[in-house]
Amino acid sequence: MQDRLRIRGLDRLAAAVVAVRTTAEAVAFFEDLCTVAELRSMSQRLEVAELLAGGATYADVAERTGASTATISRVNRSLEYGADGYKQVLALLAGASEDEEDSPSHSQPE
């Protein structure tokens, strides 16, 4: 864990997230762990990060997500100067999407 972020139990929480094996398990864990408002907020920030990383403007992001400019600015700061967590997760998600597209169940009939 980075020195600048010292939250008691964060390593344990991160280990729990890494231990989850399926999306269904993750959803169940997050539903028990977080309030609906927290889940909406985190989901929105991830969507904001994805759009910003894809080159969307603040105005476009605000329109598409309903996020405030303060939230968009905070996410953008994390993308630019943060711990690269968003970038790492977005790359992993992009890789997972590519894997799904390459799987036989998603391929086009010949």
Protein backbone atom coordinates (compact mmCIF):
# COMPACT_ATOMS: atom_id res chain seq x y z
CA MET A 1 0.00 0.00 0.00
CA GLN A 2 1.24 3.47 -0.76
CA ASP A 3 2.43 5.64 2.12
CA ARG A 4 0.03 8.44 1.25
CA LEU A 5 -3.05 6.28 1.78
CA ARG A 6 -3.19 4.76 5.25
CA ILE A 7 -6.60 3.33 5.97
CA ARG A 8 -6.90 0.68 8.63
CA GLY A 9 -8.00 -2.60 7.06
CA LEU A 10 -7.53 -1.48 3.45
CA ASP A 11 -5.10 -4.30 2.71
CA ARG A 12 -7.66 -6.80 4.03
CA LEU A 13 -10.41 -5.24 1.94
CA ALA A 14 -8.20 -5.35 -1.16
CA ALA A 15 -7.40 -9.01 -0.45
CA ALA A 16 -11.13 -9.75 -0.21
CA VAL A 17 -11.75 -8.10 -3.58
CA VAL A 18 -8.93 -10.07 -5.17
CA ALA A 19 -10.28 -13.30 -3.65
CA VAL A 20 -13.64 -12.92 -5.39
CA ARG A 21 -13.79 -15.23 -8.40
CA THR A 22 -16.94 -14.27 -10.31
CA THR A 23 -18.95 -11.17 -11.11
CA ALA A 24 -21.89 -12.65 -9.18
CA GLU A 25 -19.69 -13.09 -6.09
CA ALA A 26 -18.41 -9.53 -6.45
CA VAL A 27 -21.92 -8.12 -6.76
CA ALA A 28 -23.05 -10.02 -3.66
CA PHE A 29 -20.00 -8.85 -1.71
CA PHE A 30 -20.43 -5.20 -2.73
CA GLU A 31 -24.19 -5.27 -2.03
CA ASP A 32 -23.45 -6.45 1.52
CA LEU A 33 -20.48 -4.14 2.02
CA CYS A 34 -21.75 -0.86 0.58
CA THR A 35 -24.84 1.29 0.63
CA VAL A 36 -26.77 1.83 -2.59
CA ALA A 37 -25.44 5.40 -2.71
CA GLU A 38 -21.84 4.20 -2.34
CA LEU A 39 -22.30 1.65 -5.12
CA ARG A 40 -23.84 4.26 -7.41
CA SER A 41 -21.00 6.66 -6.66
CA MET A 42 -18.25 4.11 -7.28
CA SER A 43 -19.93 2.82 -10.44
CA GLN A 44 -20.30 6.37 -11.70
CA ARG A 45 -16.64 7.19 -11.02
CA LEU A 46 -15.52 4.11 -12.93
CA GLU A 47 -17.72 5.11 -15.86
CA VAL A 48 -16.33 8.65 -15.71
CA ALA A 49 -12.77 7.28 -15.73
CA GLU A 50 -13.56 5.07 -18.72
CA LEU A 51 -15.01 7.98 -20.69
CA LEU A 52 -12.17 10.37 -19.80
CA ALA A 53 -9.57 7.75 -20.68
CA GLY A 54 -11.35 7.38 -24.01
CA GLY A 55 -10.97 11.10 -24.71
CA ALA A 56 -14.44 12.35 -23.81
CA THR A 57 -14.80 15.99 -22.76
CA TYR A 58 -16.04 17.03 -19.32
CA ALA A 59 -19.32 18.21 -20.88
CA ASP A 60 -19.83 14.89 -22.65
CA VAL A 61 -19.00 12.93 -19.50
CA ALA A 62 -21.38 15.05 -17.41
CA GLU A 63 -24.18 14.56 -19.94
CA ARG A 64 -23.65 10.81 -20.27
CA THR A 65 -23.14 9.99 -16.58
CA GLY A 66 -24.88 12.75 -14.65
CA ALA A 67 -21.66 13.26 -12.68
CA SER A 68 -20.88 16.68 -11.30
CA THR A 69 -17.91 18.61 -12.64
CA ALA A 70 -16.30 18.18 -9.20
CA THR A 71 -16.53 14.38 -9.52
CA ILE A 72 -15.26 14.47 -13.09
CA SER A 73 -12.37 16.71 -12.05
CA ARG A 74 -11.50 14.42 -9.10
CA VAL A 75 -11.49 11.34 -11.35
CA ASN A 76 -9.43 13.16 -13.96
CA ARG A 77 -6.87 14.15 -11.30
CA SER A 78 -6.62 10.50 -10.29
CA LEU A 79 -6.13 9.48 -13.90
CA GLU A 80 -3.42 12.08 -14.35
CA TYR A 81 -1.62 12.06 -11.00
CA GLY A 82 -2.99 9.13 -9.01
CA ALA A 83 -1.70 5.66 -8.23
CA ASP A 84 -2.69 4.37 -11.71
CA GLY A 85 -5.46 2.26 -10.20
CA TYR A 86 -8.02 3.41 -12.73
CA LYS A 87 -5.61 2.83 -15.60
CA GLN A 88 -4.78 -0.68 -14.40
CA VAL A 89 -8.41 -1.66 -13.93
CA LEU A 90 -9.47 -0.15 -17.27
CA ALA A 91 -6.70 -2.10 -19.02
CA LEU A 92 -7.82 -5.29 -17.27
CA LEU A 93 -11.43 -4.66 -18.25
CA ALA A 94 -10.41 -3.97 -21.85
CA GLY A 95 -8.45 -7.22 -21.89
CA ALA A 96 -11.43 -9.12 -20.47
CA SER A 97 -13.68 -7.64 -23.16
CA GLU A 98 -11.24 -8.66 -25.86
CA ASP A 99 -11.07 -12.18 -24.40
CA GLU A 100 -14.87 -12.40 -24.44
CA GLU A 101 -14.97 -11.24 -28.06
CA ASP A 102 -12.38 -13.87 -29.00
CA SER A 103 -14.22 -16.71 -27.24
CA PRO A 104 -16.13 -19.21 -29.43
CA SER A 105 -19.47 -18.20 -27.91
CA HIS A 106 -19.00 -14.65 -29.20
CA SER A 107 -17.55 -15.43 -32.58
CA GLN A 108 -19.51 -14.92 -35.78
CA PRO A 109 -20.85 -17.97 -37.64
CA GLU A 110 -18.80 -18.94 -40.67
